[in-house]
Amino acid sequence: MNSTAVLFVAFFLFAAVEGSPLYNKGRCRCIGSSADFIHLKRIEKFEVIPATPMCQQIEIVVTMKDTAEERCMNPKSKQAQNIINLLKKRSPQK
């Protein structure tokens, strides 16, 4: 392969790597078991992460008040569904 072709391929590989998202590192954040119930008084932050091409499942990440630890919550649990519905009601309609 001549040097022009090598530079051409290297340029496009660099451009593809440069544009890839780093926030999710290409995998799901919640791997393994997830909690079905967490006491509301212990929750600092409730994050719903939609499915992406890198992770085909909806993820719920809860940050704990006392430890700042991030824990995953089962998105199909009754508590998670209740919190999501409450947040939908509180958010302004577009």
N, C-alpha and C. Protein backbone atom coordinates (compact mmCIF):
# COMPACT_ATOMS: atom_id res chain seq x y z
N MET A 1 0.85 -1.17 0.00
CA MET A 1 0.00 0.00 0.00
C MET A 1 0.90 1.24 0.00
N ASN A 2 0.56 2.22 -0.81
CA ASN A 2 1.40 3.41 -0.86
C ASN A 2 1.10 4.32 0.33
N SER A 3 1.96 5.29 0.55
CA SER A 3 1.85 6.16 1.73
C SER A 3 0.60 7.04 1.71
N THR A 4 0.12 7.42 0.54
CA THR A 4 -1.10 8.23 0.46
C THR A 4 -2.31 7.44 0.96
N ALA A 5 -2.39 6.19 0.58
CA ALA A 5 -3.51 5.35 1.03
C ALA A 5 -3.44 5.13 2.53
N VAL A 6 -2.24 4.93 3.07
CA VAL A 6 -2.07 4.73 4.51
C VAL A 6 -2.50 5.98 5.27
N LEU A 7 -2.10 7.15 4.82
CA LEU A 7 -2.49 8.40 5.46
C LEU A 7 -4.00 8.61 5.37
N PHE A 8 -4.59 8.26 4.25
CA PHE A 8 -6.03 8.40 4.05
C PHE A 8 -6.79 7.53 5.05
N VAL A 9 -6.39 6.27 5.19
CA VAL A 9 -7.04 5.35 6.14
C VAL A 9 -6.82 5.83 7.57
N ALA A 10 -5.60 6.25 7.90
CA ALA A 10 -5.30 6.72 9.26
C ALA A 10 -6.12 7.95 9.61
N PHE A 11 -6.31 8.85 8.67
CA PHE A 11 -7.11 10.06 8.91
C PHE A 11 -8.54 9.70 9.26
N PHE A 12 -9.16 8.79 8.49
CA PHE A 12 -10.55 8.42 8.75
C PHE A 12 -10.71 7.60 10.02
N LEU A 13 -9.72 6.78 10.35
CA LEU A 13 -9.78 6.05 11.63
C LEU A 13 -9.71 7.02 12.80
N PHE A 14 -8.84 8.02 12.71
CA PHE A 14 -8.73 9.01 13.77
C PHE A 14 -10.02 9.80 13.91
N ALA A 15 -10.63 10.16 12.80
CA ALA A 15 -11.89 10.92 12.84
C ALA A 15 -13.00 10.08 13.47
N ALA A 16 -13.04 8.79 13.20
CA ALA A 16 -14.08 7.92 13.77
C ALA A 16 -13.89 7.77 15.27
N VAL A 17 -12.65 7.63 15.73
CA VAL A 17 -12.38 7.50 17.16
C VAL A 17 -12.65 8.81 17.87
N GLU A 18 -12.32 9.91 17.26
CA GLU A 18 -12.52 11.23 17.86
C GLU A 18 -14.00 11.51 18.10
N GLY A 19 -14.87 11.03 17.25
CA GLY A 19 -16.29 11.32 17.37
C GLY A 19 -17.06 10.34 18.24
N SER A 20 -16.43 9.31 18.76
CA SER A 20 -17.16 8.33 19.55
C SER A 20 -17.41 8.84 20.96
N PRO A 21 -18.58 8.55 21.52
CA PRO A 21 -18.89 9.04 22.87
C PRO A 21 -18.09 8.30 23.93
N LEU A 22 -17.63 9.04 24.93
CA LEU A 22 -16.83 8.44 25.99
C LEU A 22 -17.61 8.28 27.28
N TYR A 23 -18.76 8.93 27.41
CA TYR A 23 -19.48 8.94 28.67
C TYR A 23 -19.95 7.57 29.10
N ASN A 24 -20.25 6.70 28.18
CA ASN A 24 -20.80 5.40 28.54
C ASN A 24 -19.78 4.28 28.35
N LYS A 25 -18.65 4.57 27.78
CA LYS A 25 -17.58 3.62 27.54
C LYS A 25 -18.04 2.37 26.80
N GLY A 26 -19.13 2.51 26.01
CA GLY A 26 -19.55 1.42 25.17
C GLY A 26 -20.26 0.28 25.86
N ARG A 27 -20.77 0.52 27.07
CA ARG A 27 -21.48 -0.54 27.75
C ARG A 27 -22.52 0.04 28.69
N CYS A 28 -23.31 -0.84 29.25
CA CYS A 28 -24.33 -0.41 30.21
C CYS A 28 -23.67 -0.05 31.54
N ARG A 29 -24.25 0.91 32.24
CA ARG A 29 -23.75 1.27 33.57
C ARG A 29 -24.23 0.29 34.62
N CYS A 30 -25.41 -0.26 34.44
CA CYS A 30 -26.00 -1.18 35.41
C CYS A 30 -25.82 -2.61 34.92
N ILE A 31 -24.83 -3.27 35.47
CA ILE A 31 -24.56 -4.66 35.10
C ILE A 31 -24.77 -5.51 36.34
N GLY A 32 -25.52 -6.57 36.20
CA GLY A 32 -25.78 -7.44 37.34
C GLY A 32 -27.09 -7.09 38.01
N SER A 33 -27.12 -7.24 39.33
CA SER A 33 -28.37 -7.06 40.06
C SER A 33 -28.70 -5.58 40.26
N SER A 34 -29.98 -5.30 40.36
CA SER A 34 -30.48 -3.95 40.60
C SER A 34 -31.48 -4.01 41.75
N ALA A 35 -31.55 -2.94 42.52
CA ALA A 35 -32.45 -2.89 43.67
C ALA A 35 -33.89 -2.68 43.21
N ASP A 36 -34.81 -3.34 43.88
CA ASP A 36 -36.24 -3.14 43.60
C ASP A 36 -36.81 -2.03 44.46
N PHE A 37 -36.18 -1.77 45.62
CA PHE A 37 -36.69 -0.75 46.53
C PHE A 37 -35.52 -0.06 47.23
N ILE A 38 -35.59 1.27 47.30
CA ILE A 38 -34.63 2.09 48.04
C ILE A 38 -35.44 3.12 48.80
N HIS A 39 -35.13 3.31 50.08
CA HIS A 39 -35.86 4.30 50.87
C HIS A 39 -35.71 5.69 50.24
N LEU A 40 -36.82 6.37 50.06
CA LEU A 40 -36.82 7.68 49.41
C LEU A 40 -35.96 8.70 50.16
N LYS A 41 -35.90 8.60 51.48
CA LYS A 41 -35.10 9.54 52.28
C LYS A 41 -33.61 9.41 52.00
N ARG A 42 -33.19 8.30 51.45
CA ARG A 42 -31.77 8.08 51.17
C ARG A 42 -31.38 8.52 49.76
N ILE A 43 -32.36 8.86 48.92
CA ILE A 43 -32.07 9.19 47.52
C ILE A 43 -31.73 10.67 47.38
N GLU A 44 -30.55 10.94 46.84
CA GLU A 44 -30.11 12.31 46.54
C GLU A 44 -30.53 12.69 45.12
N LYS A 45 -30.30 11.77 44.18
CA LYS A 45 -30.53 12.05 42.76
C LYS A 45 -31.08 10.79 42.10
N PHE A 46 -32.03 11.00 41.18
CA PHE A 46 -32.67 9.90 40.46
C PHE A 46 -32.46 10.16 38.98
N GLU A 47 -31.76 9.27 38.30
CA GLU A 47 -31.40 9.46 36.89
C GLU A 47 -31.99 8.34 36.04
N VAL A 48 -32.72 8.69 35.01
CA VAL A 48 -33.23 7.71 34.05
C VAL A 48 -32.40 7.84 32.78
N ILE A 49 -31.72 6.76 32.43
CA ILE A 49 -30.86 6.75 31.25
C ILE A 49 -31.56 5.93 30.17
N PRO A 50 -31.97 6.56 29.07
CA PRO A 50 -32.70 5.83 28.03
C PRO A 50 -31.80 4.82 27.31
N ALA A 51 -32.41 3.89 26.64
CA ALA A 51 -31.67 2.90 25.86
C ALA A 51 -30.90 3.59 24.73
N THR A 52 -29.73 3.09 24.44
CA THR A 52 -28.87 3.63 23.38
C THR A 52 -28.38 2.47 22.52
N PRO A 53 -27.72 2.75 21.41
CA PRO A 53 -27.14 1.66 20.63
C PRO A 53 -26.09 0.86 21.41
N MET A 54 -25.44 1.50 22.39
CA MET A 54 -24.43 0.82 23.19
C MET A 54 -25.04 -0.03 24.30
N CYS A 55 -26.23 0.34 24.75
CA CYS A 55 -26.91 -0.38 25.83
C CYS A 55 -28.41 -0.37 25.52
N GLN A 56 -28.96 -1.52 25.21
CA GLN A 56 -30.33 -1.59 24.74
C GLN A 56 -31.38 -1.57 25.86
N GLN A 57 -30.97 -1.36 27.09
CA GLN A 57 -31.94 -1.35 28.18
C GLN A 57 -32.01 0.02 28.84
N ILE A 58 -33.19 0.34 29.38
CA ILE A 58 -33.35 1.56 30.15
C ILE A 58 -32.68 1.33 31.50
N GLU A 59 -31.91 2.31 31.96
CA GLU A 59 -31.21 2.17 33.24
C GLU A 59 -31.66 3.27 34.19
N ILE A 60 -31.76 2.93 35.46
CA ILE A 60 -32.07 3.91 36.49
C ILE A 60 -30.93 3.89 37.48
N VAL A 61 -30.27 5.04 37.62
CA VAL A 61 -29.15 5.17 38.54
C VAL A 61 -29.55 6.14 39.64
N VAL A 62 -29.43 5.69 40.88
CA VAL A 62 -29.80 6.47 42.04
C VAL A 62 -28.54 6.81 42.81
N THR A 63 -28.35 8.09 43.14
CA THR A 63 -27.23 8.51 43.97
C THR A 63 -27.73 8.63 45.40
N MET A 64 -27.02 7.98 46.33
CA MET A 64 -27.42 7.95 47.73
C MET A 64 -26.94 9.20 48.46
N LYS A 65 -27.77 9.72 49.36
CA LYS A 65 -27.43 10.94 50.11
C LYS A 65 -26.24 10.72 51.04
N ASP A 66 -26.29 9.68 51.85
CA ASP A 66 -25.30 9.51 52.90
C ASP A 66 -23.92 9.10 52.40
N THR A 67 -23.84 8.36 51.30
CA THR A 67 -22.55 7.86 50.84
C THR A 67 -22.13 8.38 49.47
N ALA A 68 -23.02 9.05 48.76
CA ALA A 68 -22.80 9.52 47.39
C ALA A 68 -22.54 8.35 46.44
N GLU A 69 -22.88 7.15 46.88
CA GLU A 69 -22.73 5.95 46.08
C GLU A 69 -23.83 5.90 45.02
N GLU A 70 -23.48 5.45 43.84
CA GLU A 70 -24.47 5.27 42.78
C GLU A 70 -24.92 3.82 42.79
N ARG A 71 -26.24 3.63 42.84
CA ARG A 71 -26.81 2.29 42.82
C ARG A 71 -27.80 2.19 41.68
N CYS A 72 -27.88 1.03 41.11
CA CYS A 72 -28.83 0.81 40.03
C CYS A 72 -30.14 0.30 40.61
N MET A 73 -31.21 0.74 39.96
CA MET A 73 -32.54 0.34 40.39
C MET A 73 -33.22 -0.38 39.23
N ASN A 74 -33.97 -1.41 39.55
CA ASN A 74 -34.69 -2.17 38.54
C ASN A 74 -35.75 -1.27 37.90
N PRO A 75 -35.64 -0.97 36.60
CA PRO A 75 -36.62 -0.07 35.97
C PRO A 75 -38.03 -0.65 35.91
N LYS A 76 -38.17 -1.95 36.11
CA LYS A 76 -39.49 -2.58 36.08
C LYS A 76 -40.12 -2.69 37.47
N SER A 77 -39.39 -2.27 38.50
CA SER A 77 -39.94 -2.37 39.86
C SER A 77 -41.06 -1.35 40.04
N LYS A 78 -41.94 -1.66 40.97
CA LYS A 78 -43.10 -0.79 41.22
C LYS A 78 -42.64 0.59 41.70
N GLN A 79 -41.64 0.63 42.60
CA GLN A 79 -41.16 1.91 43.11
C GLN A 79 -40.56 2.77 41.99
N ALA A 80 -39.77 2.17 41.13
CA ALA A 80 -39.16 2.92 40.02
C ALA A 80 -40.24 3.48 39.10
N GLN A 81 -41.24 2.69 38.78
CA GLN A 81 -42.33 3.15 37.93
C GLN A 81 -43.10 4.30 38.58
N ASN A 82 -43.33 4.20 39.90
CA ASN A 82 -44.03 5.28 40.61
C ASN A 82 -43.23 6.58 40.57
N ILE A 83 -41.91 6.49 40.77
CA ILE A 83 -41.06 7.69 40.75
C ILE A 83 -41.04 8.30 39.35
N ILE A 84 -40.93 7.47 38.33
CA ILE A 84 -40.93 7.97 36.95
C ILE A 84 -42.24 8.69 36.64
N ASN A 85 -43.36 8.09 37.04
CA ASN A 85 -44.66 8.73 36.80
C ASN A 85 -44.78 10.05 37.54
N LEU A 86 -44.28 10.11 38.76
CA LEU A 86 -44.31 11.34 39.54
C LEU A 86 -43.46 12.43 38.87
N LEU A 87 -42.29 12.05 38.38
CA LEU A 87 -41.42 13.02 37.70
C LEU A 87 -42.05 13.51 36.41
N LYS A 88 -42.75 12.64 35.70
CA LYS A 88 -43.43 13.05 34.46
C LYS A 88 -44.52 14.07 34.76
N LYS A 89 -45.24 13.87 35.86
CA LYS A 89 -46.30 14.81 36.23
C LYS A 89 -45.74 16.16 36.62
N ARG A 90 -44.58 16.16 37.28
CA ARG A 90 -43.98 17.41 37.75
C ARG A 90 -43.27 18.19 36.65
N SER A 91 -42.77 17.49 35.63
CA SER A 91 -42.02 18.18 34.58
C SER A 91 -42.97 18.98 33.71
N PRO A 92 -42.52 20.16 33.24
CA PRO A 92 -43.37 20.98 32.38
C PRO A 92 -43.64 20.28 31.05
N GLN A 93 -44.86 20.37 30.60
CA GLN A 93 -45.25 19.76 29.33
C GLN A 93 -44.75 20.61 28.17
N LYS A 94 -44.27 19.96 27.12
CA LYS A 94 -43.76 20.68 25.94
C LYS A 94 -44.78 20.67 24.86
